[in-house]
C-alpha cells in the first residue's frame, strides 16, 4: 500500500511564472525524496511602479511516503 503526501509552496522569480514554479520544485527537492508530480494551482505577480516586479507560482508537490 502506498501513501502520497502533498505540500503547497509558492515559488518566486523575477523572470517568469515557469521559473517561479521551477524554483519551488528545486527548493522542495533539497529535503524531500520521492517527488512524483506537481500541480500549478495559481499564478500571480507583484507590481512596483506599474511594472511586474515578481512572478509567483502556487504549487502543490506530491511525494510518496517511505516506510
C-alpha atoms as a PDB file:
ATOM      1  CA  UNK A   1       0.000   0.000   0.000  1.00  0.00           C
ATOM      2  CA  UNK A   2       1.277   3.472  -0.858  1.00  0.00           C
ATOM      3  CA  UNK A   3       0.585   6.831   0.715  1.00  0.00           C
ATOM      4  CA  UNK A   4       1.181  10.069  -1.139  1.00  0.00           C
ATOM      5  CA  UNK A   5       1.608  13.310   0.793  1.00  0.00           C
ATOM      6  CA  UNK A   6       1.245  16.826  -0.580  1.00  0.00           C
ATOM      7  CA  UNK A   7       2.742  20.161   0.350  1.00  0.00           C
ATOM      8  CA  UNK A   8       1.900  23.600  -1.001  1.00  0.00           C
ATOM      9  CA  UNK A   9       4.644  26.107  -1.780  1.00  0.00           C
ATOM     10  CA  UNK A  10       4.864  29.468  -3.501  1.00  0.00           C
ATOM     11  CA  UNK A  11       7.869  29.928  -5.766  1.00  0.00           C
ATOM     12  CA  UNK A  12       9.062  33.444  -6.537  1.00  0.00           C
ATOM     13  CA  UNK A  13      11.023  34.658  -9.552  1.00  0.00           C
ATOM     14  CA  UNK A  14      11.922  37.921 -11.214  1.00  0.00           C
ATOM     15  CA  UNK A  15      11.911  36.140 -14.621  1.00  0.00           C
ATOM     16  CA  UNK A  16       8.642  34.224 -15.186  1.00  0.00           C
ATOM     17  CA  UNK A  17       5.893  32.059 -13.696  1.00  0.00           C
ATOM     18  CA  UNK A  18       7.599  28.979 -15.134  1.00  0.00           C
ATOM     19  CA  UNK A  19      10.837  29.886 -13.381  1.00  0.00           C
ATOM     20  CA  UNK A  20       8.924  30.519 -10.132  1.00  0.00           C
ATOM     21  CA  UNK A  21       7.426  27.005 -10.317  1.00  0.00           C
ATOM     22  CA  UNK A  22      10.866  25.530 -11.022  1.00  0.00           C
ATOM     23  CA  UNK A  23      12.274  27.391  -8.005  1.00  0.00           C
ATOM     24  CA  UNK A  24       9.582  25.898  -5.747  1.00  0.00           C
ATOM     25  CA  UNK A  25      10.363  22.395  -7.043  1.00  0.00           C
ATOM     26  CA  UNK A  26      14.119  22.887  -6.635  1.00  0.00           C
ATOM     27  CA  UNK A  27      13.689  24.028  -3.039  1.00  0.00           C
ATOM     28  CA  UNK A  28      11.394  21.084  -2.203  1.00  0.00           C
ATOM     29  CA  UNK A  29      13.837  18.625  -3.767  1.00  0.00           C
ATOM     30  CA  UNK A  30      16.501  19.686  -1.251  1.00  0.00           C
ATOM     31  CA  UNK A  31      14.626  17.973   1.594  1.00  0.00           C
ATOM     32  CA  UNK A  32      12.054  15.627   0.018  1.00  0.00           C
ATOM     33  CA  UNK A  33      12.587  12.254  -1.615  1.00  0.00           C
ATOM     34  CA  UNK A  34      10.219  10.516  -3.997  1.00  0.00           C
ATOM     35  CA  UNK A  35       8.638  13.582  -5.605  1.00  0.00           C
ATOM     36  CA  UNK A  36       6.179  12.248  -8.172  1.00  0.00           C
ATOM     37  CA  UNK A  37       4.315  15.240  -9.540  1.00  0.00           C
ATOM     38  CA  UNK A  38       3.491  18.894  -9.136  1.00  0.00           C
ATOM     39  CA  UNK A  39       0.327  20.863  -9.860  1.00  0.00           C
ATOM     40  CA  UNK A  40       0.415  24.585 -10.540  1.00  0.00           C
ATOM     41  CA  UNK A  41      -2.605  25.828  -8.593  1.00  0.00           C
ATOM     42  CA  UNK A  42      -2.360  29.557  -9.170  1.00  0.00           C
ATOM     43  CA  UNK A  43      -0.114  32.220 -10.623  1.00  0.00           C
ATOM     44  CA  UNK A  44       0.097  35.843  -9.558  1.00  0.00           C
ATOM     45  CA  UNK A  45       2.556  38.700  -9.567  1.00  0.00           C
ATOM     46  CA  UNK A  46       3.753  41.642  -7.533  1.00  0.00           C
ATOM     47  CA  UNK A  47       3.662  45.103  -9.063  1.00  0.00           C
ATOM     48  CA  UNK A  48       6.005  48.041  -8.434  1.00  0.00           C
ATOM     49  CA  UNK A  49       5.840  51.313 -10.365  1.00  0.00           C
ATOM     50  CA  UNK A  50       3.259  49.829 -12.765  1.00  0.00           C
ATOM     51  CA  UNK A  51       5.638  47.007 -13.731  1.00  0.00           C
ATOM     52  CA  UNK A  52       5.765  43.344 -12.747  1.00  0.00           C
ATOM     53  CA  UNK A  53       8.468  43.007 -10.121  1.00  0.00           C
ATOM     54  CA  UNK A  54       7.985  39.354  -9.121  1.00  0.00           C
ATOM     55  CA  UNK A  55       6.187  36.328 -10.525  1.00  0.00           C
ATOM     56  CA  UNK A  56       4.624  33.930  -8.012  1.00  0.00           C
ATOM     57  CA  UNK A  57       3.553  30.328  -8.637  1.00  0.00           C
ATOM     58  CA  UNK A  58       1.481  28.487  -6.009  1.00  0.00           C
ATOM     59  CA  UNK A  59       2.241  24.791  -6.474  1.00  0.00           C
ATOM     60  CA  UNK A  60       1.238  21.513  -4.846  1.00  0.00           C
ATOM     61  CA  UNK A  61       4.020  18.930  -4.752  1.00  0.00           C
ATOM     62  CA  UNK A  62       3.153  15.238  -4.338  1.00  0.00           C
ATOM     63  CA  UNK A  63       5.588  12.731  -2.936  1.00  0.00           C
ATOM     64  CA  UNK A  64       5.404   9.126  -1.782  1.00  0.00           C
ATOM     65  CA  UNK A  65       5.815   8.376   1.941  1.00  0.00           C
ATOM     66  CA  UNK A  66       8.632   5.920   2.559  1.00  0.00           C
ATOM     67  CA  UNK A  67       8.286   3.258   5.235  1.00  0.00           C
END
